[in-house]
N, C-alpha and C. Protein backbone atom coordinates (compact mmCIF):
# COMPACT_ATOMS: atom_id res chain seq x y z
N UNK A 1 2.46 -1.49 -13.11
CA UNK A 1 2.08 -1.67 -11.70
C UNK A 1 2.75 -0.63 -10.81
N UNK A 2 4.09 -0.45 -11.01
CA UNK A 2 4.81 0.51 -10.20
C UNK A 2 4.31 1.92 -10.48
N UNK A 3 4.01 2.20 -11.77
CA UNK A 3 3.48 3.52 -12.12
C UNK A 3 2.15 3.75 -11.44
N UNK A 4 1.29 2.72 -11.38
CA UNK A 4 -0.01 2.82 -10.73
C UNK A 4 0.15 3.11 -9.25
N UNK A 5 1.08 2.42 -8.60
CA UNK A 5 1.31 2.64 -7.17
C UNK A 5 1.83 4.04 -6.92
N UNK A 6 2.70 4.53 -7.81
CA UNK A 6 3.23 5.88 -7.64
C UNK A 6 2.14 6.92 -7.74
N UNK A 7 1.23 6.73 -8.69
CA UNK A 7 0.13 7.66 -8.86
C UNK A 7 -0.76 7.65 -7.63
N UNK A 8 -1.01 6.45 -7.08
CA UNK A 8 -1.86 6.35 -5.92
C UNK A 8 -1.22 7.04 -4.72
N UNK A 9 0.08 6.83 -4.53
CA UNK A 9 0.74 7.38 -3.35
C UNK A 9 0.79 8.90 -3.39
N UNK A 10 0.71 9.48 -4.59
CA UNK A 10 0.76 10.93 -4.68
C UNK A 10 -0.63 11.55 -4.72
N UNK A 11 -1.68 10.73 -4.70
CA UNK A 11 -3.04 11.23 -4.76
C UNK A 11 -3.48 11.74 -3.40
N UNK A 12 -4.40 12.66 -3.41
CA UNK A 12 -4.98 13.16 -2.17
C UNK A 12 -6.18 12.30 -1.81
N UNK A 13 -6.18 11.69 -0.62
CA UNK A 13 -7.33 10.88 -0.23
C UNK A 13 -8.61 11.71 -0.18
N UNK A 14 -9.69 11.12 -0.65
CA UNK A 14 -11.01 11.74 -0.54
C UNK A 14 -11.66 11.11 0.69
N UNK A 15 -11.75 11.90 1.74
CA UNK A 15 -11.99 11.34 3.07
C UNK A 15 -13.42 11.56 3.56
N UNK A 16 -14.00 10.47 4.05
CA UNK A 16 -15.21 10.53 4.83
C UNK A 16 -14.86 10.39 6.30
N UNK A 17 -15.53 11.13 7.16
CA UNK A 17 -15.22 11.11 8.59
C UNK A 17 -16.41 10.53 9.36
N UNK A 18 -16.10 9.56 10.22
CA UNK A 18 -17.10 8.96 11.11
C UNK A 18 -16.86 9.50 12.51
N UNK A 19 -17.76 10.31 13.02
CA UNK A 19 -17.67 10.81 14.39
C UNK A 19 -18.55 9.91 15.26
N UNK A 20 -17.94 9.23 16.21
CA UNK A 20 -18.66 8.27 17.05
C UNK A 20 -19.32 9.01 18.21
N UNK A 21 -20.65 8.98 18.23
CA UNK A 21 -21.38 9.74 19.25
C UNK A 21 -22.54 9.00 19.87
N UNK A 22 -22.46 7.66 19.89
CA UNK A 22 -23.59 6.88 20.41
C UNK A 22 -23.36 6.34 21.82
N UNK A 23 -22.24 6.72 22.44
CA UNK A 23 -21.95 6.23 23.78
C UNK A 23 -22.89 6.80 24.83
N UNK A 24 -22.98 6.11 25.94
CA UNK A 24 -23.92 6.51 26.99
C UNK A 24 -23.36 7.55 27.95
N UNK A 25 -22.03 7.74 27.96
CA UNK A 25 -21.37 8.73 28.83
C UNK A 25 -21.70 8.53 30.30
N UNK A 26 -21.79 7.28 30.73
CA UNK A 26 -22.17 6.99 32.11
C UNK A 26 -21.18 7.57 33.12
N UNK A 27 -19.89 7.45 32.83
CA UNK A 27 -18.89 7.93 33.78
C UNK A 27 -18.84 9.46 33.86
N UNK A 28 -19.23 10.10 32.77
CA UNK A 28 -19.27 11.57 32.77
C UNK A 28 -20.51 12.08 33.49
N UNK A 29 -21.62 11.35 33.36
CA UNK A 29 -22.86 11.78 33.99
C UNK A 29 -23.72 12.66 33.12
N UNK A 30 -23.23 13.02 31.95
CA UNK A 30 -23.97 13.80 30.96
C UNK A 30 -23.32 13.56 29.60
N UNK A 31 -24.03 13.79 28.51
CA UNK A 31 -23.47 13.49 27.19
C UNK A 31 -22.18 14.28 26.92
N UNK A 32 -21.10 13.56 26.65
CA UNK A 32 -19.80 14.21 26.46
C UNK A 32 -19.80 15.14 25.25
N UNK A 33 -20.48 14.75 24.20
CA UNK A 33 -20.45 15.56 22.98
C UNK A 33 -21.20 16.87 23.12
N UNK A 34 -22.01 16.99 24.18
CA UNK A 34 -22.76 18.22 24.39
C UNK A 34 -22.08 19.16 25.38
N UNK A 35 -20.93 18.78 25.90
CA UNK A 35 -20.21 19.65 26.82
C UNK A 35 -19.72 20.91 26.09
N UNK A 36 -19.64 22.03 26.77
CA UNK A 36 -19.14 23.25 26.13
C UNK A 36 -17.69 23.08 25.67
N UNK A 37 -17.40 23.64 24.50
CA UNK A 37 -16.02 23.64 24.01
C UNK A 37 -15.82 24.91 23.18
N UNK A 38 -14.93 25.78 23.67
CA UNK A 38 -14.73 27.08 23.03
C UNK A 38 -16.08 27.78 22.91
N UNK A 39 -16.46 28.21 21.71
CA UNK A 39 -17.73 28.92 21.54
C UNK A 39 -18.85 28.01 21.06
N UNK A 40 -18.66 26.70 21.19
CA UNK A 40 -19.66 25.74 20.73
C UNK A 40 -19.68 24.56 21.70
N UNK A 41 -19.97 23.39 21.20
CA UNK A 41 -19.93 22.17 22.00
C UNK A 41 -18.80 21.29 21.48
N UNK A 42 -18.52 20.21 22.21
CA UNK A 42 -17.52 19.25 21.73
C UNK A 42 -17.89 18.77 20.33
N UNK A 43 -19.16 18.43 20.14
CA UNK A 43 -19.61 17.95 18.83
C UNK A 43 -19.43 19.02 17.76
N UNK A 44 -19.83 20.24 18.08
CA UNK A 44 -19.69 21.32 17.12
C UNK A 44 -18.23 21.57 16.76
N UNK A 45 -17.35 21.46 17.75
CA UNK A 45 -15.92 21.66 17.51
C UNK A 45 -15.36 20.58 16.60
N UNK A 46 -15.74 19.32 16.83
CA UNK A 46 -15.24 18.23 16.00
C UNK A 46 -15.66 18.40 14.55
N UNK A 47 -16.91 18.75 14.35
CA UNK A 47 -17.40 18.96 12.99
C UNK A 47 -16.64 20.10 12.33
N UNK A 48 -16.43 21.17 13.07
CA UNK A 48 -15.72 22.34 12.54
C UNK A 48 -14.29 21.98 12.14
N UNK A 49 -13.63 21.17 12.97
CA UNK A 49 -12.25 20.78 12.67
C UNK A 49 -12.16 20.04 11.34
N UNK A 50 -13.04 19.06 11.16
CA UNK A 50 -12.96 18.26 9.94
C UNK A 50 -13.42 19.05 8.72
N UNK A 51 -14.28 20.04 8.93
CA UNK A 51 -14.62 20.94 7.82
C UNK A 51 -13.40 21.75 7.42
N UNK A 52 -12.65 22.24 8.41
CA UNK A 52 -11.43 23.00 8.11
C UNK A 52 -10.42 22.16 7.36
N UNK A 53 -10.40 20.87 7.65
CA UNK A 53 -9.46 19.97 7.00
C UNK A 53 -9.99 19.44 5.67
N UNK A 54 -11.12 19.99 5.25
CA UNK A 54 -11.70 19.71 3.94
C UNK A 54 -12.06 18.25 3.74
N UNK A 55 -12.62 17.64 4.79
CA UNK A 55 -13.17 16.30 4.64
C UNK A 55 -14.27 16.35 3.59
N UNK A 56 -14.31 15.34 2.73
CA UNK A 56 -15.31 15.34 1.66
C UNK A 56 -16.72 15.12 2.23
N UNK A 57 -16.83 14.30 3.28
CA UNK A 57 -18.14 14.04 3.89
C UNK A 57 -17.93 13.74 5.37
N UNK A 58 -18.79 14.26 6.21
CA UNK A 58 -18.75 14.02 7.65
C UNK A 58 -20.08 13.41 8.07
N UNK A 59 -20.02 12.31 8.82
CA UNK A 59 -21.23 11.67 9.34
C UNK A 59 -21.07 11.46 10.84
N UNK A 60 -22.17 11.60 11.55
CA UNK A 60 -22.19 11.40 13.00
C UNK A 60 -23.03 10.18 13.31
N UNK A 61 -22.47 9.24 14.07
CA UNK A 61 -23.21 8.06 14.51
C UNK A 61 -23.78 8.34 15.89
N UNK A 62 -25.09 8.25 16.01
CA UNK A 62 -25.75 8.49 17.29
C UNK A 62 -26.72 7.39 17.63
N UNK A 63 -27.21 7.44 18.84
CA UNK A 63 -28.21 6.48 19.30
C UNK A 63 -29.60 7.09 19.14
N UNK A 64 -30.52 6.31 18.61
CA UNK A 64 -31.88 6.81 18.42
C UNK A 64 -32.53 7.18 19.75
N UNK A 65 -32.03 6.58 20.83
CA UNK A 65 -32.60 6.82 22.16
C UNK A 65 -31.97 8.04 22.84
N UNK A 66 -31.13 8.79 22.12
CA UNK A 66 -30.47 9.95 22.71
C UNK A 66 -30.81 11.19 21.88
N UNK A 67 -31.98 11.77 22.09
CA UNK A 67 -32.41 12.90 21.26
C UNK A 67 -31.56 14.15 21.43
N UNK A 68 -30.83 14.27 22.53
CA UNK A 68 -30.03 15.46 22.75
C UNK A 68 -28.99 15.68 21.65
N UNK A 69 -28.37 14.61 21.18
CA UNK A 69 -27.38 14.72 20.11
C UNK A 69 -28.05 15.22 18.84
N UNK A 70 -29.23 14.70 18.54
CA UNK A 70 -29.93 15.12 17.33
C UNK A 70 -30.36 16.59 17.43
N UNK A 71 -30.77 17.00 18.60
CA UNK A 71 -31.14 18.40 18.79
C UNK A 71 -29.94 19.32 18.60
N UNK A 72 -28.76 18.88 19.08
CA UNK A 72 -27.56 19.69 18.89
C UNK A 72 -27.17 19.73 17.41
N UNK A 73 -27.31 18.62 16.72
CA UNK A 73 -27.02 18.62 15.29
C UNK A 73 -27.97 19.54 14.54
N UNK A 74 -29.23 19.57 14.98
CA UNK A 74 -30.19 20.51 14.38
C UNK A 74 -29.72 21.95 14.62
N UNK A 75 -29.30 22.23 15.84
CA UNK A 75 -28.85 23.59 16.19
C UNK A 75 -27.65 23.99 15.35
N UNK A 76 -26.77 23.03 15.08
CA UNK A 76 -25.57 23.29 14.31
C UNK A 76 -25.84 23.35 12.81
N UNK A 77 -27.06 23.00 12.41
CA UNK A 77 -27.38 22.98 11.00
C UNK A 77 -26.74 21.82 10.26
N UNK A 78 -26.49 20.73 10.98
CA UNK A 78 -25.84 19.57 10.39
C UNK A 78 -26.85 18.78 9.58
N UNK A 79 -26.51 18.38 8.35
CA UNK A 79 -27.50 17.74 7.47
C UNK A 79 -28.06 16.44 8.05
N UNK A 80 -29.35 16.27 7.94
CA UNK A 80 -30.00 15.06 8.43
C UNK A 80 -29.55 13.83 7.64
N UNK A 81 -29.20 14.03 6.37
CA UNK A 81 -28.81 12.88 5.57
C UNK A 81 -27.37 12.43 5.83
N UNK A 82 -26.69 13.07 6.78
CA UNK A 82 -25.36 12.62 7.20
C UNK A 82 -25.37 12.14 8.65
N UNK A 83 -26.52 11.67 9.08
CA UNK A 83 -26.66 11.14 10.44
C UNK A 83 -26.93 9.64 10.36
N UNK A 84 -26.16 8.89 11.13
CA UNK A 84 -26.28 7.43 11.17
C UNK A 84 -26.78 7.03 12.54
N UNK A 85 -27.75 6.12 12.58
CA UNK A 85 -28.32 5.69 13.86
C UNK A 85 -27.87 4.27 14.18
N UNK A 86 -27.34 4.10 15.36
CA UNK A 86 -26.97 2.77 15.85
C UNK A 86 -28.14 2.24 16.65
N UNK A 87 -28.81 1.17 16.20
CA UNK A 87 -29.98 0.66 16.91
C UNK A 87 -29.63 -0.08 18.20
N UNK A 88 -28.35 -0.43 18.38
CA UNK A 88 -27.96 -1.18 19.56
C UNK A 88 -26.66 -0.62 20.14
N UNK A 89 -26.66 0.64 20.58
CA UNK A 89 -25.41 1.25 21.08
C UNK A 89 -24.86 0.57 22.32
N UNK A 90 -25.70 -0.17 23.03
CA UNK A 90 -25.23 -0.87 24.22
C UNK A 90 -24.21 -1.96 23.88
N UNK A 91 -24.10 -2.30 22.61
CA UNK A 91 -23.12 -3.30 22.19
C UNK A 91 -21.72 -2.73 22.05
N UNK A 92 -21.58 -1.43 22.25
CA UNK A 92 -20.25 -0.84 22.30
C UNK A 92 -19.85 -0.08 21.06
N UNK A 93 -18.67 0.51 21.15
CA UNK A 93 -18.18 1.40 20.10
C UNK A 93 -18.07 0.70 18.75
N UNK A 94 -17.64 -0.56 18.75
CA UNK A 94 -17.43 -1.25 17.48
C UNK A 94 -18.74 -1.41 16.72
N UNK A 95 -19.86 -1.51 17.44
CA UNK A 95 -21.14 -1.62 16.76
C UNK A 95 -21.44 -0.34 15.98
N UNK A 96 -21.03 0.81 16.52
CA UNK A 96 -21.21 2.07 15.80
C UNK A 96 -20.33 2.13 14.56
N UNK A 97 -19.11 1.63 14.69
CA UNK A 97 -18.20 1.61 13.54
C UNK A 97 -18.77 0.73 12.43
N UNK A 98 -19.30 -0.42 12.81
CA UNK A 98 -19.88 -1.33 11.82
C UNK A 98 -21.13 -0.72 11.18
N UNK A 99 -21.91 0.01 11.96
CA UNK A 99 -23.07 0.72 11.40
C UNK A 99 -22.62 1.70 10.33
N UNK A 100 -21.53 2.40 10.61
CA UNK A 100 -21.00 3.36 9.64
C UNK A 100 -20.51 2.66 8.38
N UNK A 101 -19.88 1.50 8.55
CA UNK A 101 -19.34 0.78 7.40
C UNK A 101 -20.45 0.24 6.50
N UNK A 102 -21.59 -0.10 7.09
CA UNK A 102 -22.69 -0.66 6.29
C UNK A 102 -23.67 0.41 5.82
N UNK A 103 -23.47 1.64 6.23
CA UNK A 103 -24.37 2.73 5.87
C UNK A 103 -24.31 2.99 4.37
N UNK A 104 -25.44 3.22 3.76
CA UNK A 104 -25.51 3.39 2.31
C UNK A 104 -25.40 4.84 1.86
N UNK A 105 -25.21 5.76 2.80
CA UNK A 105 -25.23 7.17 2.45
C UNK A 105 -23.89 7.79 2.08
N UNK A 106 -22.84 7.00 2.06
CA UNK A 106 -21.52 7.55 1.75
C UNK A 106 -21.42 7.95 0.28
N UNK A 107 -20.71 9.02 0.02
CA UNK A 107 -20.47 9.44 -1.35
C UNK A 107 -19.59 8.40 -2.05
N UNK A 108 -19.93 8.00 -3.26
CA UNK A 108 -19.23 6.89 -3.92
C UNK A 108 -17.78 7.18 -4.26
N UNK A 109 -17.39 8.45 -4.35
CA UNK A 109 -16.02 8.77 -4.74
C UNK A 109 -15.02 8.71 -3.59
N UNK A 110 -15.48 8.49 -2.36
CA UNK A 110 -14.58 8.47 -1.21
C UNK A 110 -13.56 7.34 -1.35
N UNK A 111 -12.32 7.64 -0.95
CA UNK A 111 -11.26 6.63 -0.99
C UNK A 111 -10.83 6.18 0.40
N UNK A 112 -11.10 6.99 1.42
CA UNK A 112 -10.64 6.71 2.79
C UNK A 112 -11.69 7.19 3.79
N UNK A 113 -11.59 6.61 4.98
CA UNK A 113 -12.47 7.02 6.08
C UNK A 113 -11.64 7.24 7.34
N UNK A 114 -11.94 8.31 8.03
CA UNK A 114 -11.41 8.56 9.37
C UNK A 114 -12.46 8.10 10.37
N UNK A 115 -12.06 7.26 11.31
CA UNK A 115 -12.92 6.90 12.44
C UNK A 115 -12.36 7.63 13.65
N UNK A 116 -13.15 8.56 14.18
CA UNK A 116 -12.65 9.40 15.27
C UNK A 116 -13.57 9.33 16.48
N UNK A 117 -12.99 9.31 17.65
CA UNK A 117 -13.75 9.30 18.88
C UNK A 117 -14.47 10.63 19.06
N UNK A 118 -15.60 10.58 19.74
CA UNK A 118 -16.34 11.81 20.00
C UNK A 118 -15.83 12.58 21.19
N UNK A 119 -14.77 12.08 21.83
CA UNK A 119 -14.31 12.74 23.06
C UNK A 119 -12.83 13.12 22.98
N UNK A 120 -12.40 13.58 21.80
CA UNK A 120 -11.03 14.06 21.67
C UNK A 120 -10.99 15.45 21.00
N UNK A 121 -11.75 16.40 21.51
CA UNK A 121 -11.74 17.74 20.90
C UNK A 121 -10.43 18.48 21.13
N UNK A 122 -9.62 17.97 22.06
CA UNK A 122 -8.39 18.64 22.45
C UNK A 122 -7.22 18.30 21.53
N UNK A 123 -7.39 17.41 20.57
CA UNK A 123 -6.30 17.11 19.65
C UNK A 123 -5.99 18.32 18.79
N UNK A 124 -4.72 18.55 18.55
CA UNK A 124 -4.31 19.68 17.73
C UNK A 124 -4.73 19.46 16.28
N UNK A 125 -5.13 20.53 15.64
CA UNK A 125 -5.49 20.45 14.23
C UNK A 125 -4.31 19.93 13.41
N UNK A 126 -3.10 20.31 13.82
CA UNK A 126 -1.90 19.86 13.12
C UNK A 126 -1.73 18.34 13.20
N UNK A 127 -2.21 17.74 14.31
CA UNK A 127 -2.12 16.29 14.46
C UNK A 127 -3.05 15.60 13.46
N UNK A 128 -4.25 16.13 13.32
CA UNK A 128 -5.21 15.56 12.38
C UNK A 128 -4.72 15.75 10.94
N UNK A 129 -4.17 16.93 10.65
CA UNK A 129 -3.61 17.16 9.32
C UNK A 129 -2.43 16.22 9.07
N UNK A 130 -1.63 15.98 10.10
CA UNK A 130 -0.51 15.05 9.98
C UNK A 130 -0.95 13.65 9.63
N UNK A 131 -2.07 13.22 10.20
CA UNK A 131 -2.61 11.91 9.88
C UNK A 131 -3.03 11.85 8.41
N UNK A 132 -3.69 12.88 7.93
CA UNK A 132 -4.10 12.92 6.52
C UNK A 132 -2.87 12.92 5.61
N UNK A 133 -1.86 13.67 5.96
CA UNK A 133 -0.64 13.72 5.16
C UNK A 133 0.05 12.36 5.13
N UNK A 134 0.09 11.71 6.29
CA UNK A 134 0.72 10.40 6.37
C UNK A 134 -0.05 9.39 5.53
N UNK A 135 -1.38 9.49 5.54
CA UNK A 135 -2.19 8.60 4.73
C UNK A 135 -1.96 8.79 3.25
N UNK A 136 -1.64 10.00 2.86
CA UNK A 136 -1.37 10.26 1.44
C UNK A 136 -0.14 9.50 0.98
N UNK A 137 0.84 9.34 1.86
CA UNK A 137 2.04 8.59 1.50
C UNK A 137 1.93 7.11 1.76
N UNK A 138 0.84 6.69 2.39
CA UNK A 138 0.60 5.26 2.68
C UNK A 138 -0.82 4.93 2.27
N UNK A 139 -1.09 5.12 0.98
CA UNK A 139 -2.45 5.19 0.46
C UNK A 139 -3.26 3.93 0.72
N UNK A 140 -2.64 2.77 0.70
CA UNK A 140 -3.36 1.50 0.82
C UNK A 140 -3.30 0.92 2.23
N UNK A 141 -2.79 1.66 3.19
CA UNK A 141 -2.58 1.12 4.52
C UNK A 141 -3.47 1.81 5.56
N UNK A 142 -3.68 1.13 6.67
CA UNK A 142 -4.42 1.68 7.80
C UNK A 142 -3.45 2.53 8.61
N UNK A 143 -3.76 3.79 8.78
CA UNK A 143 -2.81 4.73 9.39
C UNK A 143 -3.32 5.27 10.72
N UNK A 144 -2.39 5.41 11.67
CA UNK A 144 -2.72 5.95 12.99
C UNK A 144 -1.55 6.76 13.53
N UNK A 145 -1.84 7.78 14.33
CA UNK A 145 -0.77 8.42 15.10
C UNK A 145 -0.35 7.49 16.23
N UNK A 146 0.86 7.64 16.70
CA UNK A 146 1.38 6.81 17.78
C UNK A 146 2.01 7.67 18.87
N UNK A 147 1.96 7.13 20.08
CA UNK A 147 2.66 7.75 21.22
C UNK A 147 3.47 6.66 21.89
N UNK A 148 4.79 6.80 21.84
CA UNK A 148 5.63 5.77 22.42
C UNK A 148 5.44 4.42 21.75
N UNK A 149 5.13 4.43 20.47
CA UNK A 149 4.92 3.20 19.73
C UNK A 149 3.54 2.60 19.87
N UNK A 150 2.68 3.20 20.66
CA UNK A 150 1.32 2.68 20.86
C UNK A 150 0.35 3.41 19.94
N UNK A 151 -0.45 2.62 19.22
CA UNK A 151 -1.39 3.20 18.27
C UNK A 151 -2.50 3.95 19.00
N UNK A 152 -2.89 5.09 18.43
CA UNK A 152 -3.92 5.94 19.03
C UNK A 152 -4.98 6.28 17.99
N UNK A 153 -6.07 6.83 18.46
CA UNK A 153 -7.12 7.35 17.59
C UNK A 153 -6.81 8.80 17.23
N UNK A 154 -7.30 9.25 16.06
CA UNK A 154 -8.19 8.63 15.09
C UNK A 154 -7.46 7.59 14.22
N UNK A 155 -8.28 6.82 13.46
CA UNK A 155 -7.78 5.81 12.55
C UNK A 155 -8.20 6.18 11.13
N UNK A 156 -7.26 6.09 10.21
CA UNK A 156 -7.54 6.34 8.79
C UNK A 156 -7.51 5.01 8.06
N UNK A 157 -8.65 4.64 7.45
CA UNK A 157 -8.75 3.37 6.76
C UNK A 157 -9.00 3.58 5.27
N UNK A 158 -8.23 2.90 4.40
CA UNK A 158 -8.56 2.94 2.97
C UNK A 158 -9.85 2.19 2.70
N UNK A 159 -10.40 2.38 1.54
CA UNK A 159 -11.73 1.85 1.22
C UNK A 159 -11.84 0.35 1.43
N UNK A 160 -10.83 -0.41 0.99
CA UNK A 160 -10.91 -1.86 1.11
C UNK A 160 -11.01 -2.29 2.58
N UNK A 161 -10.28 -1.62 3.45
CA UNK A 161 -10.30 -1.99 4.87
C UNK A 161 -11.58 -1.52 5.54
N UNK A 162 -12.06 -0.34 5.16
CA UNK A 162 -13.32 0.15 5.74
C UNK A 162 -14.46 -0.79 5.36
N UNK A 163 -14.49 -1.23 4.11
CA UNK A 163 -15.55 -2.13 3.68
C UNK A 163 -15.43 -3.51 4.32
N UNK A 164 -14.21 -3.90 4.72
CA UNK A 164 -14.02 -5.18 5.39
C UNK A 164 -14.71 -5.22 6.75
N UNK A 165 -14.99 -4.06 7.30
CA UNK A 165 -15.69 -4.00 8.59
C UNK A 165 -17.09 -4.58 8.49
N UNK A 166 -17.68 -4.55 7.30
CA UNK A 166 -19.05 -5.02 7.13
C UNK A 166 -19.21 -6.48 7.52
N UNK A 167 -18.20 -7.29 7.22
CA UNK A 167 -18.28 -8.73 7.45
C UNK A 167 -17.30 -9.20 8.51
N UNK A 168 -16.79 -8.26 9.31
CA UNK A 168 -15.78 -8.62 10.29
C UNK A 168 -16.37 -9.45 11.44
N UNK A 169 -15.60 -10.44 11.88
CA UNK A 169 -15.98 -11.24 13.05
C UNK A 169 -15.27 -10.75 14.30
N UNK A 170 -14.53 -9.65 14.19
CA UNK A 170 -13.79 -9.11 15.34
C UNK A 170 -14.76 -8.64 16.41
N UNK A 171 -14.30 -8.67 17.64
CA UNK A 171 -15.13 -8.25 18.77
C UNK A 171 -15.03 -6.75 19.01
N UNK A 172 -13.97 -6.13 18.55
CA UNK A 172 -13.80 -4.69 18.70
C UNK A 172 -12.79 -4.19 17.67
N UNK A 173 -12.59 -2.89 17.64
CA UNK A 173 -11.69 -2.31 16.64
C UNK A 173 -10.26 -2.77 16.87
N UNK A 174 -9.85 -2.89 18.11
CA UNK A 174 -8.49 -3.33 18.39
C UNK A 174 -8.23 -4.70 17.78
N UNK A 175 -9.17 -5.62 17.94
CA UNK A 175 -8.99 -6.96 17.36
C UNK A 175 -9.01 -6.89 15.84
N UNK A 176 -9.88 -6.06 15.29
CA UNK A 176 -9.93 -5.90 13.84
C UNK A 176 -8.57 -5.46 13.31
N UNK A 177 -7.95 -4.50 13.97
CA UNK A 177 -6.64 -4.00 13.54
C UNK A 177 -5.55 -5.05 13.74
N UNK A 178 -5.63 -5.80 14.83
CA UNK A 178 -4.63 -6.83 15.09
C UNK A 178 -4.67 -7.94 14.05
N UNK A 179 -5.83 -8.12 13.43
CA UNK A 179 -5.95 -9.11 12.36
C UNK A 179 -5.35 -8.62 11.05
N UNK A 180 -4.90 -7.35 11.04
CA UNK A 180 -4.39 -6.74 9.82
C UNK A 180 -3.04 -6.07 10.05
N UNK A 181 -2.17 -6.73 10.76
CA UNK A 181 -0.90 -6.12 11.12
C UNK A 181 -0.07 -5.74 9.90
N UNK A 182 -0.18 -6.51 8.82
CA UNK A 182 0.59 -6.20 7.63
C UNK A 182 0.12 -4.92 6.94
N UNK A 183 -1.10 -4.50 7.25
CA UNK A 183 -1.66 -3.31 6.61
C UNK A 183 -1.50 -2.06 7.46
N UNK A 184 -0.93 -2.19 8.66
CA UNK A 184 -0.86 -1.06 9.58
C UNK A 184 0.36 -0.19 9.32
N UNK A 185 0.16 1.10 9.47
CA UNK A 185 1.26 2.05 9.38
C UNK A 185 1.01 3.15 10.41
N UNK A 186 2.07 3.64 11.02
CA UNK A 186 1.90 4.67 12.05
C UNK A 186 3.04 5.66 12.05
N UNK A 187 2.78 6.81 12.64
CA UNK A 187 3.81 7.84 12.78
C UNK A 187 3.77 8.37 14.20
N UNK A 188 4.95 8.64 14.72
CA UNK A 188 5.07 9.12 16.10
C UNK A 188 4.65 10.59 16.17
N UNK A 189 3.84 10.91 17.17
CA UNK A 189 3.34 12.27 17.35
C UNK A 189 3.71 12.78 18.73
N UNK A 190 3.93 14.10 18.83
CA UNK A 190 4.23 14.71 20.13
C UNK A 190 2.99 15.33 20.76
N UNK A 191 1.81 15.04 20.22
CA UNK A 191 0.56 15.60 20.75
C UNK A 191 0.13 14.81 21.99
N UNK A 192 0.30 15.41 23.17
CA UNK A 192 -0.04 14.73 24.42
C UNK A 192 -1.53 14.44 24.53
N UNK A 193 -2.34 15.15 23.76
CA UNK A 193 -3.78 14.90 23.80
C UNK A 193 -4.16 13.51 23.33
N UNK A 194 -3.28 12.86 22.57
CA UNK A 194 -3.56 11.50 22.11
C UNK A 194 -3.65 10.51 23.26
N UNK A 195 -3.07 10.87 24.40
CA UNK A 195 -3.07 9.98 25.55
C UNK A 195 -4.34 10.12 26.40
N UNK A 196 -5.21 11.04 26.03
CA UNK A 196 -6.35 11.37 26.90
C UNK A 196 -7.67 11.21 26.17
N UNK A 197 -8.58 10.44 26.77
CA UNK A 197 -9.98 10.41 26.36
C UNK A 197 -10.79 11.09 27.46
N UNK A 198 -11.86 11.73 27.08
CA UNK A 198 -12.71 12.40 28.07
C UNK A 198 -13.77 11.42 28.55
N UNK A 199 -13.49 10.76 29.66
CA UNK A 199 -14.44 9.80 30.23
C UNK A 199 -15.12 10.33 31.48
N UNK A 200 -14.37 11.09 32.28
CA UNK A 200 -14.86 11.58 33.56
C UNK A 200 -14.71 13.11 33.62
N UNK A 201 -15.40 13.75 34.58
CA UNK A 201 -15.27 15.22 34.68
C UNK A 201 -13.84 15.70 34.81
N UNK A 202 -12.99 14.96 35.52
CA UNK A 202 -11.60 15.39 35.66
C UNK A 202 -10.84 15.30 34.32
N UNK A 203 -11.25 14.35 33.46
CA UNK A 203 -10.64 14.26 32.14
C UNK A 203 -11.02 15.48 31.30
N UNK A 204 -12.26 15.90 31.44
CA UNK A 204 -12.73 17.09 30.71
C UNK A 204 -11.92 18.31 31.11
N UNK A 205 -11.64 18.46 32.41
CA UNK A 205 -10.85 19.59 32.87
C UNK A 205 -9.42 19.51 32.35
N UNK A 206 -8.86 18.31 32.31
CA UNK A 206 -7.51 18.15 31.75
C UNK A 206 -7.50 18.49 30.27
N UNK A 207 -8.54 18.07 29.56
CA UNK A 207 -8.62 18.36 28.13
C UNK A 207 -8.71 19.87 27.89
N UNK A 208 -9.45 20.56 28.72
CA UNK A 208 -9.55 22.02 28.60
C UNK A 208 -8.19 22.67 28.78
N UNK A 209 -7.38 22.10 29.68
CA UNK A 209 -6.04 22.65 29.90
C UNK A 209 -5.13 22.44 28.70
N UNK A 210 -5.40 21.40 27.92
CA UNK A 210 -4.61 21.14 26.72
C UNK A 210 -5.01 22.01 25.55
N UNK A 211 -6.18 22.63 25.66
CA UNK A 211 -6.67 23.48 24.57
C UNK A 211 -5.84 24.75 24.48
N UNK A 212 -5.84 25.42 23.32
CA UNK A 212 -5.10 26.67 23.17
C UNK A 212 -5.56 27.72 24.19
N UNK A 213 -4.66 28.60 24.61
CA UNK A 213 -5.02 29.64 25.58
C UNK A 213 -6.20 30.48 25.11
N UNK A 214 -7.03 30.87 26.07
CA UNK A 214 -8.18 31.76 25.83
C UNK A 214 -9.31 31.12 25.01
N UNK A 215 -9.25 29.78 24.84
CA UNK A 215 -10.30 29.11 24.07
C UNK A 215 -11.66 29.21 24.76
N UNK A 216 -11.62 29.30 26.09
CA UNK A 216 -12.85 29.24 26.85
C UNK A 216 -13.21 30.56 27.51
N UNK A 217 -12.50 31.60 27.14
CA UNK A 217 -12.81 32.89 27.74
C UNK A 217 -12.23 33.01 29.12
N UNK A 218 -12.62 34.04 29.88
CA UNK A 218 -12.05 34.28 31.21
C UNK A 218 -12.52 33.24 32.22
């Protein structure tokens, strides 16, 4: 048993990434994932980041009633078979997460899933890599970065916990995690971007300021 646990803890997680993109962006006034970011869009940047981090599979959850996201995915050359549709996005973010958990298109060899917000393009690549590294040492636990002891997104879930979402009675992700306190693990991060979600135009401007210099040109 101990030998099995040691082998697991030293294994590299095979990660699927869920990019949540079915929100209505009412406070922003336009789709957040389509906002310009560096030489692409927020959505394009997120996909690029997880590709750099060698995610085994990346899927985007979108609303069927929001064709703009699908058009951007077409422009980016993102595979159609890695797109998940939430038929009821008005039910909130957790409904998109549950759609991802019940989706049949995941590669069977995956061991972990990252659930990431669609409005955090300003997170440092090192922060995301740190989460993956932390998950490698906490293979069976739900892992998150923390700021001042408060859990932040993205969330890394092992297979058993990701599959538990299928039958969860929780009202949102926070409640789902609170029901699993014994399975939670976190590490403190100095990435100030973890404190910011892009909800309003002023948040977008703050996020741009957190980006590396010259990311947006003159």
